[in-house]
Amino acid sequence: MRLLLDEMLPPVVAEALRERGHAVSAVAERRGLRGSSDAAIFKLALAEDRAIVTENVGDFRVLAAEARSAGREAPLLLFTSSRGWPRGSSHRIGRLVEALDTLLSEQRDLAGEHWLD
């Protein structure tokens, strides 16, 4: 599984996961993507065959539902929350890297959406 981290997630998460051998890209580390719409991120994830990791549940659920109702594909959505993964927490990055590394290492066949524990 390849990942695209939405803009609210720091590029250091992608870097740490790449060091562990995973194919991960972050919107925040790609100049042309910073500030892009959710629809553009959604399309890019499809084009690059990546799952989207995001806190933006509402917008990405709508995009996925619209795509499916039109008979199109939608990328896997991996959701986090600011409550479970607080942005200001110094432990957040390490916990997020560990959670994503575990998920990627398990090579589970996921579809639709998945919440990170």
PDB file of N, CA and C in Angstrom:
ATOM      1  N   MET A   1       0.851  -1.175   0.000  1.00  0.00           N
ATOM      2  CA  MET A   1       0.000   0.000   0.000  1.00  0.00           C
ATOM      3  C   MET A   1       0.900   1.243   0.000  1.00  0.00           C
ATOM      4  N   ARG A   2       0.524   2.198  -0.821  1.00  0.00           N
ATOM      5  CA  ARG A   2       1.232   3.476  -0.911  1.00  0.00           C
ATOM      6  C   ARG A   2       0.352   4.545  -0.268  1.00  0.00           C
ATOM      7  N   LEU A   3       0.972   5.499   0.421  1.00  0.00           N
ATOM      8  CA  LEU A   3       0.204   6.509   1.144  1.00  0.00           C
ATOM      9  C   LEU A   3       0.481   7.917   0.640  1.00  0.00           C
ATOM     10  N   LEU A   4      -0.537   8.755   0.759  1.00  0.00           N
ATOM     11  CA  LEU A   4      -0.421  10.192   0.558  1.00  0.00           C
ATOM     12  C   LEU A   4      -0.941  10.847   1.828  1.00  0.00           C
ATOM     13  N   LEU A   5      -0.062  11.547   2.548  1.00  0.00           N
ATOM     14  CA  LEU A   5      -0.445  12.216   3.783  1.00  0.00           C
ATOM     15  C   LEU A   5      -1.013  13.585   3.466  1.00  0.00           C
ATOM     16  N   ASP A   6      -2.200  13.855   3.942  1.00  0.00           N
ATOM     17  CA  ASP A   6      -2.841  15.147   3.724  1.00  0.00           C
ATOM     18  C   ASP A   6      -2.003  16.252   4.376  1.00  0.00           C
ATOM     19  N   GLU A   7      -2.297  17.475   4.012  1.00  0.00           N
ATOM     20  CA  GLU A   7      -1.446  18.613   4.368  1.00  0.00           C
ATOM     21  C   GLU A   7      -1.311  18.869   5.866  1.00  0.00           C
ATOM     22  N   MET A   8      -2.282  18.456   6.669  1.00  0.00           N
ATOM     23  CA  MET A   8      -2.178  18.703   8.106  1.00  0.00           C
ATOM     24  C   MET A   8      -1.155  17.795   8.785  1.00  0.00           C
ATOM     25  N   LEU A   9      -0.681  16.785   8.077  1.00  0.00           N
ATOM     26  CA  LEU A   9       0.294  15.855   8.641  1.00  0.00           C
ATOM     27  C   LEU A   9       1.707  16.262   8.221  1.00  0.00           C
ATOM     28  N   PRO A  10       2.633  16.318   9.172  1.00  0.00           N
ATOM     29  CA  PRO A  10       3.979  16.811   8.868  1.00  0.00           C
ATOM     30  C   PRO A  10       4.784  15.863   7.982  1.00  0.00           C
ATOM     31  N   PRO A  11       5.596  16.413   7.094  1.00  0.00           N
ATOM     32  CA  PRO A  11       6.423  15.594   6.203  1.00  0.00           C
ATOM     33  C   PRO A  11       7.362  14.638   6.937  1.00  0.00           C
ATOM     34  N   VAL A  12       7.709  14.939   8.172  1.00  0.00           N
ATOM     35  CA  VAL A  12       8.599  14.061   8.935  1.00  0.00           C
ATOM     36  C   VAL A  12       7.982  12.671   9.102  1.00  0.00           C
ATOM     37  N   VAL A  13       6.662  12.576   9.106  1.00  0.00           N
ATOM     38  CA  VAL A  13       5.998  11.270   9.176  1.00  0.00           C
ATOM     39  C   VAL A  13       6.301  10.481   7.904  1.00  0.00           C
ATOM     40  N   ALA A  14       6.186  11.125   6.751  1.00  0.00           N
ATOM     41  CA  ALA A  14       6.491  10.467   5.478  1.00  0.00           C
ATOM     42  C   ALA A  14       7.961  10.053   5.430  1.00  0.00           C
ATOM     43  N   GLU A  15       8.837  10.935   5.880  1.00  0.00           N
ATOM     44  CA  GLU A  15      10.272  10.631   5.876  1.00  0.00           C
ATOM     45  C   GLU A  15      10.571   9.397   6.724  1.00  0.00           C
ATOM     46  N   ALA A  16      10.006   9.346   7.918  1.00  0.00           N
ATOM     47  CA  ALA A  16      10.251   8.214   8.816  1.00  0.00           C
ATOM     48  C   ALA A  16       9.720   6.912   8.220  1.00  0.00           C
ATOM     49  N   LEU A  17       8.578   6.978   7.574  1.00  0.00           N
ATOM     50  CA  LEU A  17       8.018   5.774   6.960  1.00  0.00           C
ATOM     51  C   LEU A  17       8.821   5.343   5.736  1.00  0.00           C
ATOM     52  N   ARG A  18       9.328   6.293   4.964  1.00  0.00           N
ATOM     53  CA  ARG A  18      10.195   5.933   3.831  1.00  0.00           C
ATOM     54  C   ARG A  18      11.466   5.264   4.332  1.00  0.00           C
ATOM     55  N   GLU A  19      12.014   5.737   5.464  1.00  0.00           N
ATOM     56  CA  GLU A  19      13.196   5.107   6.046  1.00  0.00           C
ATOM     57  C   GLU A  19      12.917   3.664   6.437  1.00  0.00           C
ATOM     58  N   ARG A  20      11.670   3.351   6.691  1.00  0.00           N
ATOM     59  CA  ARG A  20      11.272   1.980   7.041  1.00  0.00           C
ATOM     60  C   ARG A  20      10.871   1.173   5.803  1.00  0.00           C
ATOM     61  N   GLY A  21      11.067   1.761   4.623  1.00  0.00           N
ATOM     62  CA  GLY A  21      10.832   1.038   3.381  1.00  0.00           C
ATOM     63  C   GLY A  21       9.459   1.182   2.769  1.00  0.00           C
ATOM     64  N   HIS A  22       8.664   2.129   3.250  1.00  0.00           N
ATOM     65  CA  HIS A  22       7.308   2.307   2.731  1.00  0.00           C
ATOM     66  C   HIS A  22       7.250   3.440   1.703  1.00  0.00           C
ATOM     67  N   ALA A  23       6.332   3.315   0.768  1.00  0.00           N
ATOM     68  CA  ALA A  23       6.120   4.326  -0.278  1.00  0.00           C
ATOM     69  C   ALA A  23       5.121   5.356   0.234  1.00  0.00           C
ATOM     70  N   VAL A  24       5.642   6.435   0.796  1.00  0.00           N
ATOM     71  CA  VAL A  24       4.793   7.451   1.421  1.00  0.00           C
ATOM     72  C   VAL A  24       5.219   8.827   0.927  1.00  0.00           C
ATOM     73  N   SER A  25       4.229   9.627   0.588  1.00  0.00           N
ATOM     74  CA  SER A  25       4.452  11.000   0.158  1.00  0.00           C
ATOM     75  C   SER A  25       3.546  11.903   0.994  1.00  0.00           C
ATOM     76  N   ALA A  26       4.013  13.120   1.240  1.00  0.00           N
ATOM     77  CA  ALA A  26       3.216  14.078   2.014  1.00  0.00           C
ATOM     78  C   ALA A  26       2.902  15.293   1.143  1.00  0.00           C
ATOM     79  N   VAL A  27       1.659  15.737   1.197  1.00  0.00           N
ATOM     80  CA  VAL A  27       1.258  16.931   0.453  1.00  0.00           C
ATOM     81  C   VAL A  27       2.152  18.109   0.843  1.00  0.00           C
ATOM     82  N   ALA A  28       2.458  18.229   2.130  1.00  0.00           N
ATOM     83  CA  ALA A  28       3.239  19.374   2.621  1.00  0.00           C
ATOM     84  C   ALA A  28       4.674  19.402   2.099  1.00  0.00           C
ATOM     85  N   GLU A  29       5.187  18.292   1.591  1.00  0.00           N
ATOM     86  CA  GLU A  29       6.552  18.278   1.077  1.00  0.00           C
ATOM     87  C   GLU A  29       6.602  18.437  -0.442  1.00  0.00           C
ATOM     88  N   ARG A  30       5.462  18.546  -1.065  1.00  0.00           N
ATOM     89  CA  ARG A  30       5.402  18.684  -2.523  1.00  0.00           C
ATOM     90  C   ARG A  30       4.880  20.078  -2.856  1.00  0.00           C
ATOM     91  N   ARG A  31       5.764  20.937  -3.261  1.00  0.00           N
ATOM     92  CA  ARG A  31       5.429  22.357  -3.476  1.00  0.00           C
ATOM     93  C   ARG A  31       4.180  22.577  -4.302  1.00  0.00           C
ATOM     94  N   GLY A  32       4.029  21.865  -5.367  1.00  0.00           N
ATOM     95  CA  GLY A  32       2.880  22.055  -6.242  1.00  0.00           C
ATOM     96  C   GLY A  32       1.557  21.620  -5.635  1.00  0.00           C
ATOM     97  N   LEU A  33       1.606  20.911  -4.531  1.00  0.00           N
ATOM     98  CA  LEU A  33       0.373  20.418  -3.908  1.00  0.00           C
ATOM     99  C   LEU A  33      -0.087  21.245  -2.723  1.00  0.00           C
ATOM    100  N   ARG A  34       0.831  21.971  -2.111  1.00  0.00           N
ATOM    101  CA  ARG A  34       0.461  22.742  -0.921  1.00  0.00           C
ATOM    102  C   ARG A  34      -0.696  23.682  -1.229  1.00  0.00           C
ATOM    103  N   GLY A  35      -1.714  23.631  -0.398  1.00  0.00           N
ATOM    104  CA  GLY A  35      -2.878  24.491  -0.588  1.00  0.00           C
ATOM    105  C   GLY A  35      -3.868  23.969  -1.616  1.00  0.00           C
ATOM    106  N   SER A  36      -3.629  22.778  -2.135  1.00  0.00           N
ATOM    107  CA  SER A  36      -4.535  22.204  -3.143  1.00  0.00           C
ATOM    108  C   SER A  36      -5.870  21.832  -2.513  1.00  0.00           C
ATOM    109  N   SER A  37      -6.883  21.795  -3.335  1.00  0.00           N
ATOM    110  CA  SER A  37      -8.217  21.405  -2.863  1.00  0.00           C
ATOM    111  C   SER A  37      -8.230  19.921  -2.515  1.00  0.00           C
ATOM    112  N   ASP A  38      -9.201  19.545  -1.711  1.00  0.00           N
ATOM    113  CA  ASP A  38      -9.365  18.131  -1.377  1.00  0.00           C
ATOM    114  C   ASP A  38      -9.648  17.320  -2.639  1.00  0.00           C
ATOM    115  N   ALA A  39     -10.395  17.886  -3.559  1.00  0.00           N
ATOM    116  CA  ALA A  39     -10.691  17.184  -4.813  1.00  0.00           C
ATOM    117  C   ALA A  39      -9.405  16.903  -5.598  1.00  0.00           C
ATOM    118  N   ALA A  40      -8.478  17.849  -5.604  1.00  0.00           N
ATOM    119  CA  ALA A  40      -7.202  17.647  -6.299  1.00  0.00           C
ATOM    120  C   ALA A  40      -6.371  16.566  -5.609  1.00  0.00           C
ATOM    121  N   ILE A  41      -6.371  16.565  -4.282  1.00  0.00           N
ATOM    122  CA  ILE A  41      -5.645  15.540  -3.526  1.00  0.00           C
ATOM    123  C   ILE A  41      -6.266  14.169  -3.798  1.00  0.00           C
ATOM    124  N   PHE A  42      -7.574  14.106  -3.824  1.00  0.00           N
ATOM    125  CA  PHE A  42      -8.319  12.874  -4.104  1.00  0.00           C
ATOM    126  C   PHE A  42      -7.924  12.330  -5.482  1.00  0.00           C
ATOM    127  N   LYS A  43      -7.935  13.192  -6.495  1.00  0.00           N
ATOM    128  CA  LYS A  43      -7.580  12.776  -7.857  1.00  0.00           C
ATOM    129  C   LYS A  43      -6.135  12.312  -7.933  1.00  0.00           C
ATOM    130  N   LEU A  44      -5.241  13.014  -7.249  1.00  0.00           N
ATOM    131  CA  LEU A  44      -3.834  12.633  -7.252  1.00  0.00           C
ATOM    132  C   LEU A  44      -3.643  11.267  -6.603  1.00  0.00           C
ATOM    133  N   ALA A  45      -4.316  11.037  -5.499  1.00  0.00           N
ATOM    134  CA  ALA A  45      -4.206   9.739  -4.824  1.00  0.00           C
ATOM    135  C   ALA A  45      -4.649   8.614  -5.764  1.00  0.00           C
ATOM    136  N   LEU A  46      -5.709   8.836  -6.501  1.00  0.00           N
ATOM    137  CA  LEU A  46      -6.154   7.835  -7.476  1.00  0.00           C
ATOM    138  C   LEU A  46      -5.112   7.636  -8.574  1.00  0.00           C
ATOM    139  N   ALA A  47      -4.595   8.735  -9.101  1.00  0.00           N
ATOM    140  CA  ALA A  47      -3.624   8.656 -10.191  1.00  0.00           C
ATOM    141  C   ALA A  47      -2.336   7.949  -9.753  1.00  0.00           C
ATOM    142  N   GLU A  48      -1.943   8.145  -8.496  1.00  0.00           N
ATOM    143  CA  GLU A  48      -0.699   7.552  -7.986  1.00  0.00           C
ATOM    144  C   GLU A  48      -0.952   6.246  -7.226  1.00  0.00           C
ATOM    145  N   ASP A  49      -2.195   5.782  -7.216  1.00  0.00           N
ATOM    146  CA  ASP A  49      -2.576   4.568  -6.509  1.00  0.00           C
ATOM    147  C   ASP A  49      -2.125   4.615  -5.051  1.00  0.00           C
ATOM    148  N   ARG A  50      -2.560   5.676  -4.359  1.00  0.00           N
ATOM    149  CA  ARG A  50      -2.206   5.876  -2.955  1.00  0.00           C
ATOM    150  C   ARG A  50      -3.468   5.982  -2.104  1.00  0.00           C
ATOM    151  N   ALA A  51      -3.358   5.513  -0.868  1.00  0.00           N
ATOM    152  CA  ALA A  51      -4.399   5.750   0.134  1.00  0.00           C
ATOM    153  C   ALA A  51      -4.139   7.132   0.725  1.00  0.00           C
ATOM    154  N   ILE A  52      -5.193   7.821   1.126  1.00  0.00           N
ATOM    155  CA  ILE A  52      -5.071   9.155   1.727  1.00  0.00           C
ATOM    156  C   ILE A  52      -5.163   9.017   3.243  1.00  0.00           C
ATOM    157  N   VAL A  53      -4.187   9.607   3.939  1.00  0.00           N
ATOM    158  CA  VAL A  53      -4.221   9.678   5.401  1.00  0.00           C
ATOM    159  C   VAL A  53      -4.610  11.110   5.753  1.00  0.00           C
ATOM    160  N   THR A  54      -5.714  11.287   6.475  1.00  0.00           N
ATOM    161  CA  THR A  54      -6.242  12.621   6.720  1.00  0.00           C
ATOM    162  C   THR A  54      -7.086  12.681   7.988  1.00  0.00           C
ATOM    163  N   GLU A  55      -7.244  13.889   8.507  1.00  0.00           N
ATOM    164  CA  GLU A  55      -8.210  14.166   9.574  1.00  0.00           C
ATOM    165  C   GLU A  55      -9.521  14.674   8.978  1.00  0.00           C
ATOM    166  N   ASN A  56      -9.507  15.004   7.710  1.00  0.00           N
ATOM    167  CA  ASN A  56     -10.634  15.643   7.048  1.00  0.00           C
ATOM    168  C   ASN A  56     -11.679  14.609   6.608  1.00  0.00           C
ATOM    169  N   VAL A  57     -12.370  14.072   7.577  1.00  0.00           N
ATOM    170  CA  VAL A  57     -13.332  12.998   7.327  1.00  0.00           C
ATOM    171  C   VAL A  57     -14.475  13.471   6.432  1.00  0.00           C
ATOM    172  N   GLY A  58     -15.092  14.573   6.790  1.00  0.00           N
ATOM    173  CA  GLY A  58     -16.278  15.039   6.079  1.00  0.00           C
ATOM    174  C   GLY A  58     -16.071  15.237   4.592  1.00  0.00           C
ATOM    175  N   ASP A  59     -15.054  15.980   4.217  1.00  0.00           N
ATOM    176  CA  ASP A  59     -14.837  16.284   2.801  1.00  0.00           C
ATOM    177  C   ASP A  59     -14.452  15.050   1.994  1.00  0.00           C
ATOM    178  N   PHE A  60     -13.556  14.223   2.544  1.00  0.00           N
ATOM    179  CA  PHE A  60     -13.115  13.058   1.772  1.00  0.00           C
ATOM    180  C   PHE A  60     -14.188  11.976   1.697  1.00  0.00           C
ATOM    181  N   ARG A  61     -15.027  11.863   2.719  1.00  0.00           N
ATOM    182  CA  ARG A  61     -16.149  10.917   2.627  1.00  0.00           C
ATOM    183  C   ARG A  61     -17.106  11.330   1.515  1.00  0.00           C
ATOM    184  N   VAL A  62     -17.365  12.620   1.408  1.00  0.00           N
ATOM    185  CA  VAL A  62     -18.252  13.122   0.351  1.00  0.00           C
ATOM    186  C   VAL A  62     -17.643  12.844  -1.021  1.00  0.00           C
ATOM    187  N   LEU A  63     -16.363  13.128  -1.187  1.00  0.00           N
ATOM    188  CA  LEU A  63     -15.698  12.878  -2.473  1.00  0.00           C
ATOM    189  C   LEU A  63     -15.754  11.393  -2.834  1.00  0.00           C
ATOM    190  N   ALA A  64     -15.522  10.521  -1.860  1.00  0.00           N
ATOM    191  CA  ALA A  64     -15.558   9.081  -2.115  1.00  0.00           C
ATOM    192  C   ALA A  64     -16.975   8.629  -2.487  1.00  0.00           C
ATOM    193  N   ALA A  65     -17.963   9.128  -1.768  1.00  0.00           N
ATOM    194  CA  ALA A  65     -19.357   8.766  -2.056  1.00  0.00           C
ATOM    195  C   ALA A  65     -19.764   9.239  -3.448  1.00  0.00           C
ATOM    196  N   GLU A  66     -19.366  10.452  -3.814  1.00  0.00           N
ATOM    197  CA  GLU A  66     -19.683  10.973  -5.147  1.00  0.00           C
ATOM    198  C   GLU A  66     -19.028  10.122  -6.231  1.00  0.00           C
ATOM    199  N   ALA A  67     -17.780   9.748  -6.026  1.00  0.00           N
ATOM    200  CA  ALA A  67     -17.074   8.924  -7.015  1.00  0.00           C
ATOM    201  C   ALA A  67     -17.762   7.577  -7.173  1.00  0.00           C
ATOM    202  N   ARG A  68     -18.061   6.946  -6.070  1.00  0.00           N
ATOM    203  CA  ARG A  68     -18.691   5.615  -6.139  1.00  0.00           C
ATOM    204  C   ARG A  68     -20.087   5.677  -6.761  1.00  0.00           C
ATOM    205  N   SER A  69     -20.849   6.712  -6.433  1.00  0.00           N
ATOM    206  CA  SER A  69     -22.198   6.810  -7.000  1.00  0.00           C
ATOM    207  C   SER A  69     -22.156   7.070  -8.500  1.00  0.00           C
ATOM    208  N   ALA A  70     -21.039   7.620  -8.978  1.00  0.00           N
ATOM    209  CA  ALA A  70     -20.871   7.845 -10.415  1.00  0.00           C
ATOM    210  C   ALA A  70     -20.180   6.659 -11.096  1.00  0.00           C
ATOM    211  N   GLY A  71     -19.928   5.585 -10.320  1.00  0.00           N
ATOM    212  CA  GLY A  71     -19.303   4.396 -10.887  1.00  0.00           C
ATOM    213  C   GLY A  71     -17.793   4.495 -11.013  1.00  0.00           C
ATOM    214  N   ARG A  72     -17.203   5.457 -10.320  1.00  0.00           N
ATOM    215  CA  ARG A  72     -15.745   5.618 -10.366  1.00  0.00           C
ATOM    216  C   ARG A  72     -15.113   5.056  -9.102  1.00  0.00           C
ATOM    217  N   GLU A  73     -13.818   4.874  -9.171  1.00  0.00           N
ATOM    218  CA  GLU A  73     -13.068   4.396  -8.012  1.00  0.00           C
ATOM    219  C   GLU A  73     -12.848   5.516  -7.013  1.00  0.00           C
ATOM    220  N   ALA A  74     -12.567   5.108  -5.793  1.00  0.00           N
ATOM    221  CA  ALA A  74     -12.169   6.043  -4.743  1.00  0.00           C
ATOM    222  C   ALA A  74     -10.978   5.428  -4.027  1.00  0.00           C
ATOM    223  N   PRO A  75     -10.032   6.252  -3.617  1.00  0.00           N
ATOM    224  CA  PRO A  75      -8.889   5.691  -2.886  1.00  0.00           C
ATOM    225  C   PRO A  75      -9.303   5.256  -1.488  1.00  0.00           C
ATOM    226  N   LEU A  76      -8.515   4.389  -0.905  1.00  0.00           N
ATOM    227  CA  LEU A  76      -8.692   4.033   0.494  1.00  0.00           C
ATOM    228  C   LEU A  76      -8.469   5.288   1.323  1.00  0.00           C
ATOM    229  N   LEU A  77      -9.323   5.512   2.308  1.00  0.00           N
ATOM    230  CA  LEU A  77      -9.203   6.659   3.196  1.00  0.00           C
ATOM    231  C   LEU A  77      -8.813   6.155   4.583  1.00  0.00           C
ATOM    232  N   LEU A  78      -7.693   6.632   5.089  1.00  0.00           N
ATOM    233  CA  LEU A  78      -7.225   6.294   6.423  1.00  0.00           C
ATOM    234  C   LEU A  78      -7.402   7.526   7.287  1.00  0.00           C
ATOM    235  N   PHE A  79      -8.317   7.441   8.242  1.00  0.00           N
ATOM    236  CA  PHE A  79      -8.674   8.606   9.043  1.00  0.00           C
ATOM    237  C   PHE A  79      -7.967   8.624  10.394  1.00  0.00           C
ATOM    238  N   THR A  80      -7.592   9.821  10.785  1.00  0.00           N
ATOM    239  CA  THR A  80      -7.095  10.097  12.130  1.00  0.00           C
ATOM    240  C   THR A  80      -8.007  11.184  12.691  1.00  0.00           C
ATOM    241  N   SER A  81      -7.872  11.471  13.959  1.00  0.00           N
ATOM    242  CA  SER A  81      -8.639  12.584  14.518  1.00  0.00           C
ATOM    243  C   SER A  81      -7.716  13.412  15.392  1.00  0.00           C
ATOM    244  N   SER A  82      -8.031  14.695  15.512  1.00  0.00           N
ATOM    245  CA  SER A  82      -7.208  15.566  16.349  1.00  0.00           C
ATOM    246  C   SER A  82      -7.366  15.195  17.821  1.00  0.00           C
ATOM    247  N   ARG A  83      -8.440  14.520  18.165  1.00  0.00           N
ATOM    248  CA  ARG A  83      -8.627  14.079  19.549  1.00  0.00           C
ATOM    249  C   ARG A  83      -7.687  12.909  19.863  1.00  0.00           C
ATOM    250  N   GLY A  84      -7.680  11.911  18.999  1.00  0.00           N
ATOM    251  CA  GLY A  84      -6.834  10.746  19.212  1.00  0.00           C
ATOM    252  C   GLY A  84      -5.379  10.970  18.856  1.00  0.00           C
ATOM    253  N   TRP A  85      -5.144  11.899  17.962  1.00  0.00           N
ATOM    254  CA  TRP A  85      -3.796  12.207  17.483  1.00  0.00           C
ATOM    255  C   TRP A  85      -3.598  13.728  17.562  1.00  0.00           C
ATOM    256  N   PRO A  86      -3.555  14.303  18.767  1.00  0.00           N
ATOM    257  CA  PRO A  86      -3.504  15.761  18.914  1.00  0.00           C
ATOM    258  C   PRO A  86      -2.294  16.390  18.220  1.00  0.00           C
ATOM    259  N   ARG A  87      -2.568  17.429  17.457  1.00  0.00           N
ATOM    260  CA  ARG A  87      -1.520  18.093  16.677  1.00  0.00           C
ATOM    261  C   ARG A  87      -0.407  18.678  17.536  1.00  0.00           C
ATOM    262  N   GLY A  88      -0.737  19.178  18.711  1.00  0.00           N
ATOM    263  CA  GLY A  88       0.264  19.804  19.548  1.00  0.00           C
ATOM    264  C   GLY A  88       1.085  18.837  20.379  1.00  0.00           C
ATOM    265  N   SER A  89       0.780  17.556  20.311  1.00  0.00           N
ATOM    266  CA  SER A  89       1.452  16.564  21.139  1.00  0.00           C
ATOM    267  C   SER A  89       2.810  16.183  20.559  1.00  0.00           C
ATOM    268  N   SER A  90       3.820  16.197  21.414  1.00  0.00           N
ATOM    269  CA  SER A  90       5.158  15.814  20.956  1.00  0.00           C
ATOM    270  C   SER A  90       5.243  14.309  20.667  1.00  0.00           C
ATOM    271  N   HIS A  91       4.340  13.537  21.242  1.00  0.00           N
ATOM    272  CA  HIS A  91       4.343  12.085  21.026  1.00  0.00           C
ATOM    273  C   HIS A  91       3.572  11.680  19.777  1.00  0.00           C
ATOM    274  N   ARG A  92       2.839  12.613  19.210  1.00  0.00           N
ATOM    275  CA  ARG A  92       1.966  12.310  18.077  1.00  0.00           C
ATOM    276  C   ARG A  92       2.722  11.736  16.891  1.00  0.00           C
ATOM    277  N   ILE A  93       3.820  12.359  16.528  1.00  0.00           N
ATOM    278  CA  ILE A  93       4.539  11.931  15.329  1.00  0.00           C
ATOM    279  C   ILE A  93       5.022  10.499  15.474  1.00  0.00           C
ATOM    280  N   GLY A  94       5.652  10.188  16.601  1.00  0.00           N
ATOM    281  CA  GLY A  94       6.137   8.829  16.811  1.00  0.00           C
ATOM    282  C   GLY A  94       5.013   7.813  16.829  1.00  0.00           C
ATOM    283  N   ARG A  95       3.911   8.144  17.490  1.00  0.00           N
ATOM    284  CA  ARG A  95       2.758   7.240  17.545  1.00  0.00           C
ATOM    285  C   ARG A  95       2.157   7.032  16.159  1.00  0.00           C
ATOM    286  N   LEU A  96       2.075   8.114  15.396  1.00  0.00           N
ATOM    287  CA  LEU A  96       1.501   8.013  14.057  1.00  0.00           C
ATOM    288  C   LEU A  96       2.398   7.177  13.144  1.00  0.00           C
ATOM    289  N   VAL A  97       3.694   7.398  13.229  1.00  0.00           N
ATOM    290  CA  VAL A  97       4.629   6.596  12.434  1.00  0.00           C
ATOM    291  C   VAL A  97       4.477   5.121  12.793  1.00  0.00           C
ATOM    292  N   GLU A  98       4.425   4.816  14.079  1.00  0.00           N
ATOM    293  CA  GLU A  98       4.285   3.423  14.515  1.00  0.00           C
ATOM    294  C   GLU A  98       2.979   2.814  14.020  1.00  0.00           C
ATOM    295  N   ALA A  99       1.881   3.550  14.152  1.00  0.00           N
ATOM    296  CA  ALA A  99       0.581   3.037  13.724  1.00  0.00           C
ATOM    297  C   ALA A  99       0.550   2.771  12.218  1.00  0.00           C
ATOM    298  N   LEU A 100       1.082   3.711  11.442  1.00  0.00           N
ATOM    299  CA  LEU A 100       1.090   3.533   9.990  1.00  0.00           C
ATOM    300  C   LEU A 100       2.067   2.441   9.569  1.00  0.00           C
ATOM    301  N   ASP A 101       3.215   2.366  10.214  1.00  0.00           N
ATOM    302  CA  ASP A 101       4.183   1.316   9.919  1.00  0.00           C
ATOM    303  C   ASP A 101       3.560  -0.054  10.179  1.00  0.00           C
ATOM    304  N   THR A 102       2.859  -0.202  11.287  1.00  0.00           N
ATOM    305  CA  THR A 102       2.199  -1.467  11.608  1.00  0.00           C
ATOM    306  C   THR A 102       1.164  -1.810  10.542  1.00  0.00           C
ATOM    307  N   LEU A 103       0.343  -0.844  10.184  1.00  0.00           N
ATOM    308  CA  LEU A 103      -0.687  -1.070   9.169  1.00  0.00           C
ATOM    309  C   LEU A 103      -0.056  -1.472   7.832  1.00  0.00           C
ATOM    310  N   LEU A 104       0.986  -0.758   7.427  1.00  0.00           N
ATOM    311  CA  LEU A 104       1.641  -1.051   6.154  1.00  0.00           C
ATOM    312  C   LEU A 104       2.366  -2.394   6.189  1.00  0.00           C
ATOM    313  N   SER A 105       2.943  -2.741   7.309  1.00  0.00           N
ATOM    314  CA  SER A 105       3.678  -4.002   7.435  1.00  0.00           C
ATOM    315  C   SER A 105       2.757  -5.207   7.452  1.00  0.00           C
ATOM    316  N   GLU A 106       1.551  -5.018   7.953  1.00  0.00           N
ATOM    317  CA  GLU A 106       0.581  -6.120   8.003  1.00  0.00           C
ATOM    318  C   GLU A 106       0.082  -6.508   6.620  1.00  0.00           C
ATOM    319  N   GLN A 107       0.185  -5.597   5.673  1.00  0.00           N
ATOM    320  CA  GLN A 107      -0.265  -5.822   4.298  1.00  0.00           C
ATOM    321  C   GLN A 107      -1.710  -6.308   4.247  1.00  0.00           C
ATOM    322  N   ARG A 108      -2.542  -5.685   5.074  1.00  0.00           N
ATOM    323  CA  ARG A 108      -3.966  -6.018   5.077  1.00  0.00           C
ATOM    324  C   ARG A 108      -4.622  -5.479   3.820  1.00  0.00           C
ATOM    325  N   ASP A 109      -5.615  -6.172   3.354  1.00  0.00           N
ATOM    326  CA  ASP A 109      -6.363  -5.741   2.176  1.00  0.00           C
ATOM    327  C   ASP A 109      -7.536  -4.886   2.651  1.00  0.00           C
ATOM    328  N   LEU A 110      -7.347  -3.600   2.661  1.00  0.00           N
ATOM    329  CA  LEU A 110      -8.362  -2.671   3.132  1.00  0.00           C
ATOM    330  C   LEU A 110      -9.036  -2.001   1.947  1.00  0.00           C
ATOM    331  N   ALA A 111     -10.272  -1.599   2.147  1.00  0.00           N
ATOM    332  CA  ALA A 111     -11.010  -0.864   1.118  1.00  0.00           C
ATOM    333  C   ALA A 111     -11.934   0.121   1.814  1.00  0.00           C
ATOM    334  N   GLY A 112     -12.322   1.133   1.097  1.00  0.00           N
ATOM    335  CA  GLY A 112     -13.259   2.121   1.650  1.00  0.00           C
ATOM    336  C   GLY A 112     -12.582   3.078   2.592  1.00  0.00           C
ATOM    337  N   GLU A 113     -12.802   2.866   3.900  1.00  0.00           N
ATOM    338  CA  GLU A 113     -12.181   3.727   4.886  1.00  0.00           C
ATOM    339  C   GLU A 113     -11.749   2.910   6.094  1.00  0.00           C
ATOM    340  N   HIS A 114     -10.785   3.433   6.807  1.00  0.00           N
ATOM    341  CA  HIS A 114     -10.242   2.767   7.987  1.00  0.00           C
ATOM    342  C   HIS A 114      -9.818   3.847   8.972  1.00  0.00           C
ATOM    343  N   TRP A 115     -10.131   3.649  10.238  1.00  0.00           N
ATOM    344  CA  TRP A 115      -9.709   4.590  11.284  1.00  0.00           C
ATOM    345  C   TRP A 115      -8.459   4.065  11.948  1.00  0.00           C
ATOM    346  N   LEU A 116      -7.461   4.927  12.132  1.00  0.00           N
ATOM    347  CA  LEU A 116      -6.252   4.536  12.859  1.00  0.00           C
ATOM    348  C   LEU A 116      -6.530   4.553  14.330  1.00  0.00           C
ATOM    349  N   ASP A 117      -6.105   3.527  15.018  1.00  0.00           N
ATOM    350  CA  ASP A 117      -6.288   3.428  16.465  1.00  0.00           C
ATOM    351  C   ASP A 117      -5.213   4.232  17.187  1.00  0.00           C
TER     352      ASP A 117
END
